[in-house]
C-alpha atoms as a PDB file:
ATOM      1  CA  MET A   1      40.924  20.092 -23.506  1.00  0.00           C
ATOM      2  CA  GLN A   2      37.741  22.170 -23.197  1.00  0.00           C
ATOM      3  CA  GLU A   3      34.783  20.841 -21.360  1.00  0.00           C
ATOM      4  CA  ASP A   4      30.958  21.100 -23.115  1.00  0.00           C
ATOM      5  CA  ALA A   5      27.961  22.448 -21.023  1.00  0.00           C
ATOM      6  CA  THR A   6      27.639  18.953 -19.009  1.00  0.00           C
ATOM      7  CA  GLY A   7      31.456  19.360 -18.027  1.00  0.00           C
ATOM      8  CA  GLN A   8      32.651  16.558 -20.235  1.00  0.00           C
ATOM      9  CA  GLN A   9      35.099  16.459 -23.079  1.00  0.00           C
ATOM     10  CA  PRO A  10      33.372  16.407 -26.395  1.00  0.00           C
ATOM     11  CA  VAL A  11      32.929  13.241 -28.005  1.00  0.00           C
ATOM     12  CA  GLN A  12      35.489  14.395 -30.817  1.00  0.00           C
ATOM     13  CA  ALA A  13      38.151  15.484 -28.404  1.00  0.00           C
ATOM     14  CA  GLU A  14      37.608  12.036 -26.564  1.00  0.00           C
ATOM     15  CA  GLU A  15      37.729   9.955 -30.105  1.00  0.00           C
ATOM     16  CA  ALA A  16      41.046  12.236 -31.215  1.00  0.00           C
ATOM     17  CA  ASP A  17      42.677  11.201 -27.694  1.00  0.00           C
ATOM     18  CA  LEU A  18      41.967   7.584 -28.043  1.00  0.00           C
ATOM     19  CA  GLY A  19      43.293   7.547 -31.807  1.00  0.00           C
ATOM     20  CA  ARG A  20      46.488   9.072 -30.367  1.00  0.00           C
ATOM     21  CA  GLN A  21      46.462   6.729 -27.546  1.00  0.00           C
ATOM     22  CA  LEU A  22      46.179   3.735 -29.907  1.00  0.00           C
ATOM     23  CA  ARG A  23      48.487   4.936 -32.726  1.00  0.00           C
ATOM     24  CA  THR A  24      51.440   5.678 -29.754  1.00  0.00           C
ATOM     25  CA  ALA A  25      50.777   2.368 -28.376  1.00  0.00           C
ATOM     26  CA  VAL A  26      50.528   0.156 -31.505  1.00  0.00           C
ATOM     27  CA  GLY A  27      53.802   2.091 -32.706  1.00  0.00           C
ATOM     28  CA  ARG A  28      55.487   1.495 -29.367  1.00  0.00           C
ATOM     29  CA  ILE A  29      54.697  -2.206 -29.504  1.00  0.00           C
ATOM     30  CA  TYR A  30      55.666  -2.769 -33.327  1.00  0.00           C
ATOM     31  CA  ARG A  31      59.100  -0.790 -32.551  1.00  0.00           C
ATOM     32  CA  ARG A  32      59.728  -3.010 -29.423  1.00  0.00           C
ATOM     33  CA  PHE A  33      58.487  -6.220 -31.236  1.00  0.00           C
ATOM     34  CA  ARG A  34      60.871  -5.602 -34.273  1.00  0.00           C
ATOM     35  CA  SER A  35      63.908  -4.814 -31.956  1.00  0.00           C
ATOM     36  CA  GLU A  36      63.565  -8.730 -30.812  1.00  0.00           C
ATOM     37  CA  ARG A  37      66.005  -9.986 -32.988  1.00  0.00           C
ATOM     38  CA  PRO A  38      69.209 -12.567 -32.882  1.00  0.00           C
ATOM     39  CA  GLU A  39      72.282 -10.497 -31.932  1.00  0.00           C
ATOM     40  CA  GLY A  40      74.438  -9.291 -34.952  1.00  0.00           C
ATOM     41  CA  SER A  41      71.555 -10.096 -37.374  1.00  0.00           C
ATOM     42  CA  LEU A  42      70.433  -7.578 -40.101  1.00  0.00           C
ATOM     43  CA  GLY A  43      68.854  -4.459 -39.804  1.00  0.00           C
ATOM     44  CA  ASP A  44      65.214  -4.108 -39.728  1.00  0.00           C
ATOM     45  CA  THR A  45      64.381  -3.650 -43.305  1.00  0.00           C
ATOM     46  CA  ALA A  46      66.819  -6.406 -44.216  1.00  0.00           C
ATOM     47  CA  LEU A  47      65.372  -9.081 -41.604  1.00  0.00           C
ATOM     48  CA  ASP A  48      61.739  -7.826 -42.766  1.00  0.00           C
ATOM     49  CA  VAL A  49      62.538  -8.822 -46.565  1.00  0.00           C
ATOM     50  CA  LEU A  50      64.297 -11.841 -45.623  1.00  0.00           C
ATOM     51  CA  THR A  51      61.322 -13.163 -43.424  1.00  0.00           C
ATOM     52  CA  ARG A  52      58.892 -12.319 -46.430  1.00  0.00           C
ATOM     53  CA  LEU A  53      60.881 -14.227 -48.544  1.00  0.00           C
ATOM     54  CA  HIS A  54      61.177 -17.155 -46.052  1.00  0.00           C
ATOM     55  CA  LYS A  55      57.152 -16.813 -45.306  1.00  0.00           C
ATOM     56  CA  ARG A  56      56.010 -16.594 -49.066  1.00  0.00           C
ATOM     57  CA  GLY A  57      58.683 -17.946 -51.183  1.00  0.00           C
ATOM     58  CA  PRO A  58      60.751 -16.233 -54.030  1.00  0.00           C
ATOM     59  CA  GLN A  59      59.638 -12.840 -55.118  1.00  0.00           C
ATOM     60  CA  THR A  60      60.876 -10.187 -57.751  1.00  0.00           C
ATOM     61  CA  LEU A  61      62.583  -6.904 -56.822  1.00  0.00           C
ATOM     62  CA  THR A  62      59.434  -5.329 -57.964  1.00  0.00           C
ATOM     63  CA  GLU A  63      57.142  -7.182 -55.920  1.00  0.00           C
ATOM     64  CA  LEU A  64      59.602  -6.697 -52.860  1.00  0.00           C
ATOM     65  CA  SER A  65      59.570  -3.109 -53.729  1.00  0.00           C
ATOM     66  CA  GLU A  66      55.913  -2.663 -54.221  1.00  0.00           C
ATOM     67  CA  HIS A  67      55.138  -4.299 -50.915  1.00  0.00           C
ATOM     68  CA  ASP A  68      57.407  -1.933 -49.083  1.00  0.00           C
ATOM     69  CA  ARG A  69      56.375   1.029 -51.024  1.00  0.00           C
ATOM     70  CA  VAL A  70      60.356   1.581 -51.613  1.00  0.00           C
ATOM     71  CA  SER A  71      61.962   2.051 -55.069  1.00  0.00           C
ATOM     72  CA  PRO A  72      63.202  -0.727 -56.798  1.00  0.00           C
ATOM     73  CA  ALA A  73      66.994   0.856 -56.528  1.00  0.00           C
ATOM     74  CA  SER A  74      66.305   1.135 -52.646  1.00  0.00           C
ATOM     75  CA  MET A  75      65.166  -2.594 -52.693  1.00  0.00           C
ATOM     76  CA  SER A  76      68.121  -3.837 -54.738  1.00  0.00           C
ATOM     77  CA  GLN A  77      70.438  -2.475 -51.941  1.00  0.00           C
ATOM     78  CA  THR A  78      68.592  -4.802 -49.571  1.00  0.00           C
ATOM     79  CA  VAL A  79      68.653  -7.729 -51.730  1.00  0.00           C
ATOM     80  CA  ASN A  80      72.300  -7.170 -52.361  1.00  0.00           C
ATOM     81  CA  ARG A  81      73.055  -7.107 -48.370  1.00  0.00           C
ATOM     82  CA  LEU A  82      71.082 -10.331 -48.499  1.00  0.00           C
ATOM     83  CA  THR A  83      72.768 -11.845 -51.432  1.00  0.00           C
ATOM     84  CA  SER A  84      76.155 -11.085 -50.321  1.00  0.00           C
ATOM     85  CA  ALA A  85      75.739 -12.172 -46.629  1.00  0.00           C
ATOM     86  CA  GLY A  86      74.418 -15.517 -48.045  1.00  0.00           C
ATOM     87  CA  TYR A  87      70.975 -15.218 -46.718  1.00  0.00           C
ATOM     88  CA  ALA A  88      69.126 -15.069 -50.038  1.00  0.00           C
ATOM     89  CA  VAL A  89      70.098 -15.844 -53.752  1.00  0.00           C
ATOM     90  CA  ARG A  90      69.153 -14.981 -57.171  1.00  0.00           C
ATOM     91  CA  THR A  91      67.484 -17.227 -59.829  1.00  0.00           C
ATOM     92  CA  ARG A  92      65.886 -16.959 -63.025  1.00  0.00           C
ATOM     93  CA  ASP A  93      61.995 -17.195 -62.822  1.00  0.00           C
ATOM     94  CA  PRO A  94      61.261 -20.586 -64.523  1.00  0.00           C
ATOM     95  CA  HIS A  95      58.100 -19.026 -66.170  1.00  0.00           C
ATOM     96  CA  ASP A  96      59.499 -15.838 -67.489  1.00  0.00           C
ATOM     97  CA  GLY A  97      63.362 -15.821 -68.252  1.00  0.00           C
ATOM     98  CA  ARG A  98      63.827 -12.205 -68.068  1.00  0.00           C
ATOM     99  CA  LYS A  99      62.779 -11.898 -64.416  1.00  0.00           C
ATOM    100  CA  VAL A 100      64.970 -12.562 -61.722  1.00  0.00           C
ATOM    101  CA  LEU A 101      63.598 -14.151 -57.999  1.00  0.00           C
ATOM    102  CA  PHE A 102      65.078 -13.759 -55.063  1.00  0.00           C
ATOM    103  CA  SER A 103      64.753 -16.567 -52.496  1.00  0.00           C
ATOM    104  CA  THR A 104      66.068 -17.362 -48.846  1.00  0.00           C
ATOM    105  CA  THR A 105      69.054 -20.026 -48.437  1.00  0.00           C
ATOM    106  CA  ALA A 106      69.411 -22.591 -45.820  1.00  0.00           C
ATOM    107  CA  GLN A 107      71.098 -19.965 -43.799  1.00  0.00           C
ATOM    108  CA  GLY A 108      68.454 -17.409 -44.360  1.00  0.00           C
ATOM    109  CA  ASP A 109      65.631 -19.615 -43.474  1.00  0.00           C
ATOM    110  CA  GLU A 110      67.448 -20.376 -40.128  1.00  0.00           C
ATOM    111  CA  LEU A 111      68.003 -16.561 -39.115  1.00  0.00           C
ATOM    112  CA  ALA A 112      64.339 -15.846 -40.281  1.00  0.00           C
ATOM    113  CA  SER A 113      63.012 -18.474 -38.108  1.00  0.00           C
ATOM    114  CA  ALA A 114      65.326 -17.414 -35.452  1.00  0.00           C
ATOM    115  CA  ALA A 115      64.218 -14.315 -35.337  1.00  0.00           C
ATOM    116  CA  ARG A 116      60.627 -15.364 -35.391  1.00  0.00           C
ATOM    117  CA  ALA A 117      61.026 -17.403 -32.381  1.00  0.00           C
ATOM    118  CA  GLN A 118      62.890 -14.945 -30.377  1.00  0.00           C
ATOM    119  CA  ARG A 119      60.164 -12.021 -31.136  1.00  0.00           C
ATOM    120  CA  ASN A 120      57.220 -14.656 -30.461  1.00  0.00           C
ATOM    121  CA  ALA A 121      58.985 -15.869 -27.081  1.00  0.00           C
ATOM    122  CA  TRP A 122      59.570 -12.072 -25.935  1.00  0.00           C
ATOM    123  CA  PHE A 123      55.991 -11.193 -26.597  1.00  0.00           C
ATOM    124  CA  ASP A 124      54.397 -14.626 -25.503  1.00  0.00           C
ATOM    125  CA  GLU A 125      56.207 -14.124 -21.960  1.00  0.00           C
ATOM    126  CA  ARG A 126      54.872 -10.496 -21.567  1.00  0.00           C
ATOM    127  CA  LEU A 127      51.543 -12.025 -22.334  1.00  0.00           C
ATOM    128  CA  ARG A 128      51.638 -14.722 -19.763  1.00  0.00           C
ATOM    129  CA  ALA A 129      52.851 -12.166 -17.115  1.00  0.00           C
ATOM    130  CA  LEU A 130      49.292 -10.603 -17.415  1.00  0.00           C
ATOM    131  CA  GLY A 131      46.377 -11.590 -15.458  1.00  0.00           C
ATOM    132  CA  ALA A 132      43.602 -13.460 -17.264  1.00  0.00           C
ATOM    133  CA  GLU A 133      41.060 -10.202 -17.262  1.00  0.00           C
ATOM    134  CA  ASP A 134      43.891  -8.363 -18.880  1.00  0.00           C
ATOM    135  CA  ARG A 135      44.645 -11.131 -21.591  1.00  0.00           C
ATOM    136  CA  ALA A 136      40.814 -11.306 -22.345  1.00  0.00           C
ATOM    137  CA  LEU A 137      40.689  -7.561 -22.696  1.00  0.00           C
ATOM    138  CA  LEU A 138      43.667  -7.625 -25.068  1.00  0.00           C
ATOM    139  CA  ALA A 139      41.961 -10.479 -27.317  1.00  0.00           C
ATOM    140  CA  ARG A 140      38.851  -8.380 -27.470  1.00  0.00           C
ATOM    141  CA  ALA A 141      41.167  -5.383 -28.857  1.00  0.00           C
ATOM    142  CA  ALA A 142      43.105  -7.628 -31.141  1.00  0.00           C
ATOM    143  CA  ALA A 143      39.688  -8.532 -32.783  1.00  0.00           C
ATOM    144  CA  LEU A 144      38.503  -4.783 -32.620  1.00  0.00           C
ATOM    145  CA  LEU A 145      41.880  -3.703 -34.285  1.00  0.00           C
ATOM    146  CA  ASN A 146      41.559  -6.480 -36.866  1.00  0.00           C
ATOM    147  CA  ARG A 147      38.251  -5.411 -37.758  1.00  0.00           C
ATOM    148  CA  ILE A 148      39.558  -1.643 -38.268  1.00  0.00           C
ATOM    149  CA  ALA A 149      42.428  -3.215 -40.554  1.00  0.00           C
ATOM    150  CA  ASP A 150      40.016  -5.168 -42.469  1.00  0.00           C
ATOM    151  CA  SER A 151      37.597  -2.129 -43.252  1.00  0.00           C
END
């Protein structure tokens, strides 16, 4: 990077570098976090959908596909995997019989809970290994990142 007359990197270059560093770090931690799941469990997409159904309750194919920003055909493949594996079921919407709702089975709830517990345990263990000063710094960073996300 070129320096300005004071020997400093221009502010825009510093901001771009910080943005790159944050995007890289957030992406890496997200991928690492997602890789923590029970052996032999579903792929990332199916596990994400299962977890969302577990947390938020029954949803239509349209709701699921809009949330993930994928086509209904693509989401249909995902929910077909979940239903054929016994992790989710299709039911008629009690308020609109034309709609189909997808919800978790007991087996699906168990897998979603196990995946969440494993991911949280992995992350919490890494946080506990840090010193108090680093944990405080991460708490401040989390607050700032949430503020950015809410803007």
